């Protein structure tokens, strides 16, 4: 979907233009939004009404329930898409401009649908997981001097260190499922073959759940 522009023009003596670019519509991991029909409708209406310059014509074009539905609907779609309230665009300002243009001329009672609930994207948690990934790479790098044949025992001891197992599990398993919205297989986590994997990751998982709570 192309970049959206919110354009609401008040014609006549109160000439005012409001244009703001929305962020590119790449939804957060875990979002179920795959299309943006309300935003498409909102964009289309703005494009059509932008060519209407006279005040009565502007009112006829914008001051209707269908346009208002597309405005609120687009905001809701973006909330569900980005899984947050900070959308990078001022919908409150768009509503103020609509009320300024339409409040005194409409003959209907405007209605708005309640916003849909969503699971907020865990920004802070995912930022912390990036640190886990960096630490896992650092700890794994300390094991590269050991030969898998000549130093098998030392290599195993290095790669099965509890700290490395926790960091790798946090990065690969928790990071994929929580922040990337992808499936993760426990057996693909670094150190899964270690004898101490289950006992160590049990501890690591408890600490992660505590962080989430």
N, C-alpha and C. Protein backbone atom coordinates (compact mmCIF):
# COMPACT_ATOMS: atom_id res chain seq x y z
N UNK A 1 0.85 -1.19 0.00
CA UNK A 1 0.00 0.00 0.00
C UNK A 1 0.88 1.24 0.00
N UNK A 2 0.55 2.23 -0.83
CA UNK A 2 1.40 3.41 -0.91
C UNK A 2 1.26 4.25 0.36
N UNK A 3 2.21 5.17 0.55
CA UNK A 3 2.19 6.04 1.71
C UNK A 3 0.91 6.86 1.73
N UNK A 4 0.31 6.99 2.89
CA UNK A 4 -0.93 7.73 3.02
C UNK A 4 -0.67 9.19 3.33
N UNK A 5 -1.56 10.02 2.90
CA UNK A 5 -1.52 11.43 3.26
C UNK A 5 -2.88 11.82 3.81
N UNK A 6 -2.88 12.42 4.98
CA UNK A 6 -4.12 12.97 5.52
C UNK A 6 -4.20 14.41 5.05
N UNK A 7 -5.20 14.73 4.29
CA UNK A 7 -5.38 16.09 3.80
C UNK A 7 -6.81 16.51 4.07
N UNK A 8 -6.97 17.51 4.89
CA UNK A 8 -8.30 18.03 5.18
C UNK A 8 -8.24 19.53 4.95
N UNK A 9 -8.93 20.00 3.94
CA UNK A 9 -8.85 21.41 3.57
C UNK A 9 -10.15 22.11 3.93
N UNK A 10 -10.04 23.19 4.67
CA UNK A 10 -11.21 23.99 5.01
C UNK A 10 -11.25 25.17 4.06
N UNK A 11 -12.28 25.22 3.24
CA UNK A 11 -12.37 26.27 2.24
C UNK A 11 -13.03 27.52 2.82
N UNK A 12 -13.15 28.56 1.98
CA UNK A 12 -13.81 29.78 2.40
C UNK A 12 -12.90 30.64 3.26
N UNK A 13 -13.48 31.46 4.16
CA UNK A 13 -12.68 32.37 4.97
C UNK A 13 -11.79 31.65 5.97
N UNK A 14 -12.06 30.38 6.22
CA UNK A 14 -11.26 29.63 7.19
C UNK A 14 -10.31 28.68 6.48
N UNK A 15 -9.78 29.15 5.35
CA UNK A 15 -8.92 28.29 4.54
C UNK A 15 -7.76 27.76 5.38
N UNK A 16 -7.65 26.47 5.41
CA UNK A 16 -6.57 25.84 6.16
C UNK A 16 -6.29 24.48 5.56
N UNK A 17 -5.05 24.12 5.50
CA UNK A 17 -4.69 22.81 4.97
C UNK A 17 -3.96 22.02 6.04
N UNK A 18 -4.25 20.79 6.10
CA UNK A 18 -3.59 19.90 7.06
C UNK A 18 -3.12 18.67 6.31
N UNK A 19 -1.83 18.49 6.23
CA UNK A 19 -1.30 17.33 5.52
C UNK A 19 -0.21 16.70 6.37
N UNK A 20 -0.28 15.44 6.52
CA UNK A 20 0.72 14.74 7.34
C UNK A 20 0.92 13.34 6.78
N UNK A 21 2.16 12.96 6.66
CA UNK A 21 2.47 11.65 6.10
C UNK A 21 2.44 10.59 7.19
N UNK A 22 1.73 9.52 6.94
CA UNK A 22 1.73 8.38 7.85
C UNK A 22 2.98 7.55 7.64
N UNK A 23 3.44 6.85 8.67
CA UNK A 23 4.57 5.93 8.49
C UNK A 23 4.22 4.87 7.46
N UNK A 24 5.23 4.31 6.84
CA UNK A 24 4.99 3.23 5.89
C UNK A 24 4.28 2.09 6.61
N UNK A 25 3.34 1.47 5.92
CA UNK A 25 2.48 0.49 6.56
C UNK A 25 3.11 -0.90 6.60
N UNK A 26 4.14 -1.02 7.41
CA UNK A 26 4.75 -2.31 7.68
C UNK A 26 4.36 -2.66 9.11
N UNK A 27 3.40 -3.55 9.26
CA UNK A 27 2.82 -3.80 10.58
C UNK A 27 3.80 -4.49 11.52
N UNK A 28 3.60 -4.26 12.81
CA UNK A 28 4.42 -4.90 13.82
C UNK A 28 4.20 -6.40 13.81
N UNK A 29 5.23 -7.12 14.18
CA UNK A 29 5.11 -8.57 14.27
C UNK A 29 3.97 -8.93 15.21
N UNK A 30 3.21 -9.93 14.82
CA UNK A 30 2.10 -10.36 15.64
C UNK A 30 0.79 -9.68 15.31
N UNK A 31 0.82 -8.64 14.48
CA UNK A 31 -0.41 -7.97 14.08
C UNK A 31 -1.16 -8.85 13.09
N UNK A 32 -2.48 -8.86 13.23
CA UNK A 32 -3.31 -9.65 12.32
C UNK A 32 -3.80 -8.82 11.13
N UNK A 33 -3.40 -7.56 11.07
CA UNK A 33 -3.83 -6.68 9.98
C UNK A 33 -3.07 -7.03 8.70
N UNK A 34 -3.79 -7.32 7.65
CA UNK A 34 -3.17 -7.64 6.36
C UNK A 34 -3.64 -6.70 5.26
N UNK A 35 -4.64 -5.88 5.54
CA UNK A 35 -5.14 -4.92 4.56
C UNK A 35 -5.63 -3.69 5.31
N UNK A 36 -5.80 -2.58 4.60
CA UNK A 36 -6.19 -1.32 5.23
C UNK A 36 -7.35 -0.68 4.47
N UNK A 37 -8.52 -1.32 4.44
CA UNK A 37 -9.64 -0.78 3.67
C UNK A 37 -10.11 0.59 4.15
N UNK A 38 -10.13 0.81 5.47
CA UNK A 38 -10.58 2.11 5.99
C UNK A 38 -9.59 3.21 5.60
N UNK A 39 -8.30 2.93 5.70
CA UNK A 39 -7.29 3.92 5.31
C UNK A 39 -7.33 4.15 3.80
N UNK A 40 -7.59 3.11 3.03
CA UNK A 40 -7.74 3.27 1.58
C UNK A 40 -8.91 4.20 1.27
N UNK A 41 -10.02 3.99 1.98
CA UNK A 41 -11.20 4.82 1.78
C UNK A 41 -10.93 6.26 2.21
N UNK A 42 -10.23 6.41 3.33
CA UNK A 42 -9.89 7.74 3.84
C UNK A 42 -9.02 8.49 2.85
N UNK A 43 -8.01 7.81 2.32
CA UNK A 43 -7.12 8.41 1.33
C UNK A 43 -7.88 8.79 0.07
N UNK A 44 -8.73 7.89 -0.39
CA UNK A 44 -9.49 8.15 -1.61
C UNK A 44 -10.42 9.35 -1.44
N UNK A 45 -11.08 9.44 -0.29
CA UNK A 45 -11.98 10.57 -0.03
C UNK A 45 -11.22 11.88 0.00
N UNK A 46 -10.05 11.87 0.65
CA UNK A 46 -9.24 13.09 0.72
C UNK A 46 -8.80 13.52 -0.67
N UNK A 47 -8.41 12.55 -1.50
CA UNK A 47 -7.99 12.88 -2.86
C UNK A 47 -9.15 13.50 -3.64
N UNK A 48 -10.33 12.91 -3.51
CA UNK A 48 -11.49 13.40 -4.25
C UNK A 48 -11.90 14.79 -3.77
N UNK A 49 -11.89 14.99 -2.46
CA UNK A 49 -12.38 16.25 -1.90
C UNK A 49 -11.36 17.38 -2.04
N UNK A 50 -10.10 17.04 -2.24
CA UNK A 50 -9.08 18.07 -2.38
C UNK A 50 -9.29 18.92 -3.62
N UNK A 51 -10.00 18.39 -4.60
CA UNK A 51 -10.23 19.13 -5.85
C UNK A 51 -11.47 20.01 -5.76
N UNK A 52 -12.22 19.89 -4.67
CA UNK A 52 -13.42 20.70 -4.47
C UNK A 52 -13.04 21.93 -3.67
N UNK A 53 -13.15 23.11 -4.26
CA UNK A 53 -12.63 24.32 -3.63
C UNK A 53 -13.70 25.19 -2.99
N UNK A 54 -14.95 25.13 -3.45
CA UNK A 54 -15.97 26.00 -2.87
C UNK A 54 -16.44 25.43 -1.54
N UNK A 55 -16.83 26.33 -0.64
CA UNK A 55 -17.19 25.92 0.72
C UNK A 55 -18.38 24.95 0.75
N UNK A 56 -19.50 25.23 0.08
CA UNK A 56 -20.61 24.25 0.13
C UNK A 56 -20.21 22.90 -0.44
N UNK A 57 -19.42 22.92 -1.50
CA UNK A 57 -18.99 21.67 -2.11
C UNK A 57 -18.08 20.88 -1.19
N UNK A 58 -17.19 21.60 -0.48
CA UNK A 58 -16.29 20.95 0.48
C UNK A 58 -17.08 20.31 1.61
N UNK A 59 -18.11 21.01 2.07
CA UNK A 59 -18.94 20.47 3.14
C UNK A 59 -19.69 19.22 2.67
N UNK A 60 -20.22 19.29 1.46
CA UNK A 60 -20.94 18.13 0.92
C UNK A 60 -20.01 16.93 0.79
N UNK A 61 -18.76 17.19 0.48
CA UNK A 61 -17.81 16.11 0.23
C UNK A 61 -17.32 15.46 1.52
N UNK A 62 -17.10 16.28 2.55
CA UNK A 62 -16.46 15.78 3.76
C UNK A 62 -17.41 15.59 4.94
N UNK A 63 -18.49 16.32 4.98
CA UNK A 63 -19.33 16.32 6.18
C UNK A 63 -20.39 15.23 6.12
N UNK A 64 -19.95 14.02 6.18
CA UNK A 64 -20.87 12.89 6.14
C UNK A 64 -20.33 11.77 7.03
N UNK A 65 -21.22 10.88 7.41
CA UNK A 65 -20.85 9.78 8.32
C UNK A 65 -19.85 8.84 7.68
N UNK A 66 -19.96 8.63 6.38
CA UNK A 66 -19.04 7.71 5.70
C UNK A 66 -17.60 8.19 5.81
N UNK A 67 -17.39 9.50 5.62
CA UNK A 67 -16.03 10.04 5.74
C UNK A 67 -15.54 9.91 7.18
N UNK A 68 -16.41 10.22 8.13
CA UNK A 68 -16.02 10.13 9.53
C UNK A 68 -15.68 8.69 9.90
N UNK A 69 -16.44 7.74 9.36
CA UNK A 69 -16.15 6.33 9.61
C UNK A 69 -14.77 5.95 9.08
N UNK A 70 -14.41 6.48 7.92
CA UNK A 70 -13.10 6.15 7.34
C UNK A 70 -11.98 6.77 8.15
N UNK A 71 -12.22 7.96 8.73
CA UNK A 71 -11.20 8.60 9.57
C UNK A 71 -10.93 7.77 10.82
N UNK A 72 -12.01 7.47 11.55
CA UNK A 72 -11.84 6.67 12.77
C UNK A 72 -11.39 5.25 12.44
N UNK A 73 -11.89 4.72 11.33
CA UNK A 73 -11.51 3.37 10.93
C UNK A 73 -10.04 3.27 10.59
N UNK A 74 -9.52 4.28 9.91
CA UNK A 74 -8.10 4.28 9.56
C UNK A 74 -7.24 4.34 10.82
N UNK A 75 -7.63 5.19 11.75
CA UNK A 75 -6.89 5.28 13.01
C UNK A 75 -6.88 3.93 13.72
N UNK A 76 -8.02 3.27 13.74
CA UNK A 76 -8.10 1.97 14.41
C UNK A 76 -7.26 0.92 13.69
N UNK A 77 -7.28 0.94 12.36
CA UNK A 77 -6.46 0.00 11.59
C UNK A 77 -4.99 0.17 11.91
N UNK A 78 -4.55 1.42 12.03
CA UNK A 78 -3.14 1.66 12.30
C UNK A 78 -2.78 1.25 13.73
N UNK A 79 -3.69 1.44 14.67
CA UNK A 79 -3.44 0.99 16.05
C UNK A 79 -3.23 -0.52 16.07
N UNK A 80 -4.09 -1.24 15.35
CA UNK A 80 -3.97 -2.70 15.30
C UNK A 80 -2.75 -3.13 14.50
N UNK A 81 -2.39 -2.34 13.51
CA UNK A 81 -1.23 -2.66 12.67
C UNK A 81 0.08 -2.49 13.45
N UNK A 82 0.22 -1.31 14.09
CA UNK A 82 1.48 -1.02 14.79
C UNK A 82 1.48 -1.51 16.24
N UNK A 83 0.30 -1.89 16.73
CA UNK A 83 0.13 -2.38 18.11
C UNK A 83 0.60 -1.34 19.12
N UNK A 84 0.23 -0.09 18.87
CA UNK A 84 0.56 0.99 19.80
C UNK A 84 -0.35 2.19 19.53
N UNK A 85 -0.31 3.16 20.44
CA UNK A 85 -1.14 4.36 20.30
C UNK A 85 -0.41 5.48 19.57
N UNK A 86 0.91 5.49 19.65
CA UNK A 86 1.70 6.52 18.96
C UNK A 86 1.80 6.13 17.49
N UNK A 87 0.99 6.75 16.66
CA UNK A 87 0.88 6.34 15.26
C UNK A 87 1.71 7.20 14.32
N UNK A 88 2.32 8.26 14.84
CA UNK A 88 3.13 9.12 13.99
C UNK A 88 2.29 10.09 13.17
N UNK A 89 1.02 10.21 13.49
CA UNK A 89 0.16 11.16 12.79
C UNK A 89 -0.90 11.65 13.76
N UNK A 90 -1.30 12.92 13.62
CA UNK A 90 -2.20 13.53 14.58
C UNK A 90 -3.66 13.40 14.13
N UNK A 91 -4.28 12.30 14.50
CA UNK A 91 -5.69 12.12 14.16
C UNK A 91 -6.59 13.07 14.95
N UNK A 92 -6.16 13.47 16.15
CA UNK A 92 -6.94 14.43 16.92
C UNK A 92 -7.07 15.74 16.15
N UNK A 93 -5.99 16.16 15.49
CA UNK A 93 -6.02 17.38 14.69
C UNK A 93 -6.97 17.22 13.51
N UNK A 94 -6.96 16.06 12.89
CA UNK A 94 -7.87 15.80 11.77
C UNK A 94 -9.32 15.91 12.22
N UNK A 95 -9.62 15.39 13.42
CA UNK A 95 -10.99 15.48 13.93
C UNK A 95 -11.36 16.92 14.26
N UNK A 96 -10.41 17.68 14.79
CA UNK A 96 -10.67 19.09 15.09
C UNK A 96 -11.02 19.85 13.82
N UNK A 97 -10.29 19.59 12.76
CA UNK A 97 -10.55 20.27 11.49
C UNK A 97 -11.91 19.86 10.92
N UNK A 98 -12.23 18.58 11.07
CA UNK A 98 -13.54 18.12 10.60
C UNK A 98 -14.66 18.81 11.37
N UNK A 99 -14.51 18.90 12.68
CA UNK A 99 -15.53 19.56 13.50
C UNK A 99 -15.65 21.04 13.16
N UNK A 100 -14.51 21.67 12.86
CA UNK A 100 -14.52 23.09 12.51
C UNK A 100 -15.28 23.33 11.22
N UNK A 101 -15.10 22.43 10.27
CA UNK A 101 -15.78 22.56 8.98
C UNK A 101 -17.23 22.12 9.04
N UNK A 102 -17.48 21.03 9.76
CA UNK A 102 -18.78 20.35 9.64
C UNK A 102 -19.71 20.53 10.83
N UNK A 103 -19.15 20.93 11.98
CA UNK A 103 -19.96 20.95 13.19
C UNK A 103 -21.24 21.75 13.09
N UNK A 104 -21.20 22.87 12.38
CA UNK A 104 -22.37 23.76 12.32
C UNK A 104 -23.30 23.48 11.14
N UNK A 105 -22.92 22.54 10.27
CA UNK A 105 -23.72 22.32 9.06
C UNK A 105 -24.36 20.94 9.00
N UNK A 106 -23.86 20.00 9.76
CA UNK A 106 -24.41 18.64 9.66
C UNK A 106 -25.78 18.58 10.32
N UNK A 107 -26.63 17.74 9.80
CA UNK A 107 -27.98 17.58 10.33
C UNK A 107 -28.17 16.20 10.96
N UNK A 108 -27.08 15.46 11.10
CA UNK A 108 -27.15 14.13 11.70
C UNK A 108 -26.29 14.10 12.96
N UNK A 109 -26.52 13.12 13.79
CA UNK A 109 -25.72 12.94 15.00
C UNK A 109 -24.55 12.01 14.68
N UNK A 110 -23.32 12.54 14.65
CA UNK A 110 -22.17 11.69 14.28
C UNK A 110 -22.00 10.54 15.27
N UNK A 111 -21.68 9.39 14.76
CA UNK A 111 -21.41 8.22 15.60
C UNK A 111 -20.01 7.70 15.29
N UNK A 112 -19.40 7.12 16.30
CA UNK A 112 -18.06 6.56 16.12
C UNK A 112 -18.00 5.18 16.75
N UNK A 113 -17.35 4.27 16.08
CA UNK A 113 -17.20 2.92 16.61
C UNK A 113 -16.12 2.90 17.69
N UNK A 114 -16.32 2.07 18.69
CA UNK A 114 -15.33 1.94 19.75
C UNK A 114 -14.05 1.32 19.18
N UNK A 115 -12.89 1.81 19.59
CA UNK A 115 -11.64 1.24 19.08
C UNK A 115 -11.46 -0.21 19.51
N UNK A 116 -10.86 -0.99 18.66
CA UNK A 116 -10.61 -2.40 18.96
C UNK A 116 -9.46 -2.54 19.94
N UNK A 117 -9.53 -3.56 20.78
CA UNK A 117 -8.44 -3.82 21.71
C UNK A 117 -7.34 -4.60 21.00
N UNK A 118 -6.14 -4.50 21.51
CA UNK A 118 -5.01 -5.20 20.91
C UNK A 118 -3.95 -5.45 21.98
N UNK A 119 -3.06 -6.36 21.68
CA UNK A 119 -1.93 -6.66 22.57
C UNK A 119 -0.80 -5.72 22.21
N UNK A 120 -0.43 -4.78 23.10
CA UNK A 120 0.62 -3.82 22.76
C UNK A 120 1.93 -4.50 22.40
N UNK A 121 2.60 -3.93 21.42
CA UNK A 121 3.91 -4.48 21.04
C UNK A 121 4.90 -4.19 22.17
N UNK A 122 5.63 -5.21 22.63
CA UNK A 122 6.52 -5.04 23.79
C UNK A 122 7.85 -4.38 23.42
N UNK A 123 7.82 -3.08 23.15
CA UNK A 123 9.01 -2.38 22.68
C UNK A 123 10.18 -2.51 23.65
N UNK A 124 9.91 -2.25 24.94
CA UNK A 124 10.99 -2.29 25.93
C UNK A 124 11.57 -3.70 26.04
N UNK A 125 10.69 -4.67 26.06
CA UNK A 125 11.14 -6.06 26.17
C UNK A 125 11.97 -6.46 24.96
N UNK A 126 11.53 -6.08 23.77
CA UNK A 126 12.25 -6.46 22.55
C UNK A 126 13.59 -5.74 22.45
N UNK A 127 13.66 -4.53 22.97
CA UNK A 127 14.94 -3.82 23.00
C UNK A 127 15.92 -4.56 23.92
N UNK A 128 15.39 -5.09 25.02
CA UNK A 128 16.23 -5.86 25.94
C UNK A 128 16.70 -7.15 25.28
N UNK A 129 15.84 -7.77 24.48
CA UNK A 129 16.22 -9.00 23.80
C UNK A 129 17.33 -8.77 22.78
N UNK A 130 17.39 -7.59 22.20
CA UNK A 130 18.50 -7.27 21.29
C UNK A 130 19.82 -7.32 22.05
N UNK A 131 19.80 -6.88 23.29
CA UNK A 131 21.00 -6.96 24.12
C UNK A 131 21.36 -8.42 24.40
N UNK A 132 20.33 -9.25 24.60
CA UNK A 132 20.58 -10.68 24.80
C UNK A 132 21.25 -11.29 23.58
N UNK A 133 20.82 -10.89 22.39
CA UNK A 133 21.41 -11.42 21.15
C UNK A 133 22.87 -11.00 21.03
N UNK A 134 23.14 -9.74 21.35
CA UNK A 134 24.51 -9.25 21.27
C UNK A 134 25.41 -9.98 22.27
N UNK A 135 24.89 -10.21 23.46
CA UNK A 135 25.68 -10.91 24.48
C UNK A 135 25.90 -12.36 24.08
N UNK A 136 24.88 -12.99 23.48
CA UNK A 136 25.02 -14.38 23.04
C UNK A 136 26.11 -14.49 21.97
N UNK A 137 26.13 -13.56 21.03
CA UNK A 137 27.18 -13.57 19.99
C UNK A 137 28.56 -13.39 20.61
N UNK A 138 28.64 -12.52 21.59
CA UNK A 138 29.92 -12.27 22.25
C UNK A 138 30.40 -13.53 22.98
N UNK A 139 29.52 -14.16 23.73
CA UNK A 139 29.89 -15.36 24.48
C UNK A 139 30.23 -16.51 23.55
N UNK A 140 29.49 -16.64 22.46
CA UNK A 140 29.77 -17.70 21.51
C UNK A 140 31.12 -17.48 20.83
N UNK A 141 31.46 -16.21 20.61
CA UNK A 141 32.74 -15.89 20.00
C UNK A 141 33.92 -16.35 20.85
N UNK A 142 33.70 -16.46 22.15
CA UNK A 142 34.77 -16.92 23.04
C UNK A 142 35.05 -18.40 22.88
N UNK A 143 34.20 -19.10 22.14
CA UNK A 143 34.36 -20.55 21.96
C UNK A 143 35.00 -20.91 20.63
N UNK A 144 35.26 -19.94 19.80
CA UNK A 144 35.74 -20.23 18.44
C UNK A 144 37.18 -20.75 18.40
N UNK A 145 37.93 -20.56 19.46
CA UNK A 145 39.32 -21.04 19.48
C UNK A 145 39.42 -22.55 19.69
N UNK A 146 38.34 -23.16 20.09
CA UNK A 146 38.37 -24.59 20.37
C UNK A 146 38.00 -25.40 19.13
N UNK A 147 38.80 -26.41 18.83
CA UNK A 147 38.56 -27.29 17.70
C UNK A 147 37.50 -28.33 18.09
N UNK A 148 36.55 -28.56 17.20
CA UNK A 148 35.45 -29.46 17.52
C UNK A 148 35.90 -30.90 17.72
N UNK A 149 37.10 -31.25 17.21
CA UNK A 149 37.62 -32.61 17.37
C UNK A 149 38.66 -32.66 18.48
N UNK A 150 39.67 -31.83 18.38
CA UNK A 150 40.76 -31.86 19.36
C UNK A 150 40.32 -31.35 20.72
N UNK A 151 39.46 -30.35 20.72
CA UNK A 151 39.05 -29.72 21.99
C UNK A 151 37.56 -29.91 22.24
N UNK A 152 37.05 -31.09 21.92
CA UNK A 152 35.61 -31.32 22.02
C UNK A 152 35.07 -31.05 23.42
N UNK A 153 35.80 -31.48 24.42
CA UNK A 153 35.34 -31.30 25.80
C UNK A 153 35.30 -29.82 26.18
N UNK A 154 36.37 -29.10 25.82
CA UNK A 154 36.43 -27.67 26.13
C UNK A 154 35.37 -26.90 25.35
N UNK A 155 35.17 -27.29 24.10
CA UNK A 155 34.16 -26.62 23.28
C UNK A 155 32.77 -26.82 23.87
N UNK A 156 32.50 -28.03 24.32
CA UNK A 156 31.21 -28.32 24.93
C UNK A 156 31.01 -27.51 26.21
N UNK A 157 32.06 -27.45 27.01
CA UNK A 157 31.98 -26.68 28.26
C UNK A 157 31.73 -25.20 27.98
N UNK A 158 32.34 -24.72 26.90
CA UNK A 158 32.20 -23.31 26.55
C UNK A 158 30.80 -22.99 26.04
N UNK A 159 30.31 -23.82 25.12
CA UNK A 159 29.01 -23.54 24.51
C UNK A 159 27.83 -23.91 25.41
N UNK A 160 28.10 -24.69 26.45
CA UNK A 160 27.03 -25.09 27.36
C UNK A 160 27.03 -24.28 28.65
N UNK A 161 27.79 -23.19 28.67
CA UNK A 161 27.78 -22.33 29.85
C UNK A 161 26.36 -21.82 30.09
N UNK A 162 25.89 -21.83 31.32
CA UNK A 162 24.53 -21.37 31.63
C UNK A 162 24.23 -19.97 31.10
N UNK A 163 25.20 -19.07 31.23
CA UNK A 163 24.97 -17.70 30.77
C UNK A 163 24.70 -17.67 29.27
N UNK A 164 25.50 -18.41 28.50
CA UNK A 164 25.32 -18.46 27.05
C UNK A 164 23.99 -19.10 26.69
N UNK A 165 23.62 -20.16 27.38
CA UNK A 165 22.36 -20.83 27.09
C UNK A 165 21.17 -19.89 27.33
N UNK A 166 21.22 -19.14 28.41
CA UNK A 166 20.12 -18.21 28.70
C UNK A 166 20.02 -17.11 27.65
N UNK A 167 21.19 -16.55 27.30
CA UNK A 167 21.19 -15.46 26.32
C UNK A 167 20.72 -15.95 24.95
N UNK A 168 21.17 -17.14 24.55
CA UNK A 168 20.78 -17.68 23.25
C UNK A 168 19.29 -18.03 23.22
N UNK A 169 18.79 -18.59 24.29
CA UNK A 169 17.37 -18.92 24.36
C UNK A 169 16.52 -17.65 24.28
N UNK A 170 16.93 -16.63 25.02
CA UNK A 170 16.19 -15.36 25.00
C UNK A 170 16.15 -14.77 23.60
N UNK A 171 17.31 -14.80 22.94
CA UNK A 171 17.43 -14.22 21.60
C UNK A 171 16.65 -15.01 20.56
N UNK A 172 16.93 -16.29 20.47
CA UNK A 172 16.41 -17.11 19.37
C UNK A 172 14.95 -17.51 19.58
N UNK A 173 14.63 -17.99 20.76
CA UNK A 173 13.28 -18.52 20.98
C UNK A 173 12.29 -17.43 21.37
N UNK A 174 12.59 -16.75 22.47
CA UNK A 174 11.68 -15.70 22.93
C UNK A 174 11.62 -14.56 21.93
N UNK A 175 12.77 -14.18 21.38
CA UNK A 175 12.80 -13.08 20.41
C UNK A 175 11.97 -13.37 19.18
N UNK A 176 12.09 -14.56 18.63
CA UNK A 176 11.34 -14.91 17.42
C UNK A 176 9.83 -14.94 17.68
N UNK A 177 9.43 -15.57 18.77
CA UNK A 177 8.00 -15.73 19.02
C UNK A 177 7.34 -14.44 19.49
N UNK A 178 8.05 -13.64 20.27
CA UNK A 178 7.45 -12.45 20.86
C UNK A 178 7.61 -11.21 20.00
N UNK A 179 8.80 -10.99 19.48
CA UNK A 179 9.10 -9.74 18.78
C UNK A 179 8.99 -9.84 17.27
N UNK A 180 9.26 -10.99 16.72
CA UNK A 180 9.20 -11.16 15.27
C UNK A 180 7.92 -11.85 14.81
N UNK A 181 7.17 -12.39 15.75
CA UNK A 181 5.92 -13.05 15.40
C UNK A 181 6.13 -14.29 14.57
N UNK A 182 7.27 -14.94 14.74
CA UNK A 182 7.59 -16.13 13.97
C UNK A 182 7.59 -17.36 14.87
N UNK A 183 7.39 -18.50 14.26
CA UNK A 183 7.46 -19.74 15.02
C UNK A 183 8.91 -20.06 15.36
N UNK A 184 9.12 -20.65 16.50
CA UNK A 184 10.47 -21.03 16.91
C UNK A 184 10.43 -22.44 17.47
N UNK A 185 11.45 -23.20 17.16
CA UNK A 185 11.56 -24.58 17.64
C UNK A 185 12.65 -24.65 18.69
N UNK A 186 12.32 -25.17 19.84
CA UNK A 186 13.27 -25.22 20.94
C UNK A 186 14.53 -25.98 20.56
N UNK A 187 14.38 -27.01 19.74
CA UNK A 187 15.55 -27.82 19.37
C UNK A 187 16.53 -27.06 18.48
N UNK A 188 16.11 -25.91 17.95
CA UNK A 188 17.01 -25.11 17.12
C UNK A 188 17.80 -24.09 17.93
N UNK A 189 17.51 -23.99 19.21
CA UNK A 189 18.22 -23.04 20.05
C UNK A 189 19.62 -23.56 20.34
N UNK A 190 20.59 -22.67 20.27
CA UNK A 190 21.97 -23.03 20.56
C UNK A 190 22.07 -23.68 21.95
N UNK A 191 22.72 -24.82 22.02
CA UNK A 191 22.93 -25.49 23.29
C UNK A 191 21.85 -26.48 23.66
N UNK A 192 20.89 -26.68 22.76
CA UNK A 192 19.80 -27.61 23.07
C UNK A 192 20.32 -29.01 23.40
N UNK A 193 21.45 -29.35 22.78
CA UNK A 193 22.03 -30.69 22.98
C UNK A 193 22.78 -30.79 24.30
N UNK A 194 22.95 -29.68 25.00
CA UNK A 194 23.69 -29.70 26.27
C UNK A 194 22.89 -30.43 27.35
N UNK A 195 23.60 -31.18 28.18
CA UNK A 195 22.94 -31.93 29.24
C UNK A 195 22.22 -31.02 30.24
N UNK A 196 22.73 -29.81 30.40
CA UNK A 196 22.16 -28.90 31.39
C UNK A 196 21.13 -27.93 30.79
N UNK A 197 20.77 -28.14 29.53
CA UNK A 197 19.89 -27.19 28.84
C UNK A 197 18.56 -27.00 29.57
N UNK A 198 17.89 -28.09 29.89
CA UNK A 198 16.56 -27.99 30.48
C UNK A 198 16.58 -27.29 31.83
N UNK A 199 17.54 -27.65 32.67
CA UNK A 199 17.60 -27.04 33.99
C UNK A 199 17.95 -25.55 33.91
N UNK A 200 18.85 -25.21 33.00
CA UNK A 200 19.27 -23.81 32.86
C UNK A 200 18.15 -22.97 32.27
N UNK A 201 17.53 -23.45 31.22
CA UNK A 201 16.49 -22.68 30.57
C UNK A 201 15.26 -22.56 31.45
N UNK A 202 15.04 -23.50 32.33
CA UNK A 202 13.96 -23.35 33.29
C UNK A 202 14.15 -22.10 34.11
N UNK A 203 15.38 -21.86 34.55
CA UNK A 203 15.71 -20.67 35.32
C UNK A 203 15.58 -19.43 34.46
N UNK A 204 16.11 -19.52 33.23
CA UNK A 204 16.06 -18.36 32.34
C UNK A 204 14.65 -17.96 31.99
N UNK A 205 13.78 -18.95 31.78
CA UNK A 205 12.40 -18.67 31.41
C UNK A 205 11.67 -17.99 32.55
N UNK A 206 11.92 -18.41 33.77
CA UNK A 206 11.28 -17.78 34.92
C UNK A 206 11.66 -16.31 34.99
N UNK A 207 12.93 -16.00 34.75
CA UNK A 207 13.36 -14.61 34.81
C UNK A 207 12.73 -13.79 33.70
N UNK A 208 12.55 -14.38 32.51
CA UNK A 208 11.94 -13.67 31.40
C UNK A 208 10.47 -13.39 31.67
N UNK A 209 9.77 -14.37 32.22
CA UNK A 209 8.37 -14.17 32.54
C UNK A 209 8.21 -13.10 33.60
N UNK A 210 9.14 -13.06 34.53
CA UNK A 210 9.10 -12.03 35.57
C UNK A 210 9.27 -10.66 34.94
N UNK A 211 10.15 -10.57 33.92
CA UNK A 211 10.38 -9.31 33.24
C UNK A 211 9.11 -8.86 32.52
N UNK A 212 8.44 -9.81 31.85
CA UNK A 212 7.23 -9.48 31.11
C UNK A 212 6.11 -9.01 32.03
N UNK A 213 6.04 -9.59 33.21
CA UNK A 213 4.97 -9.24 34.14
C UNK A 213 5.24 -7.90 34.79
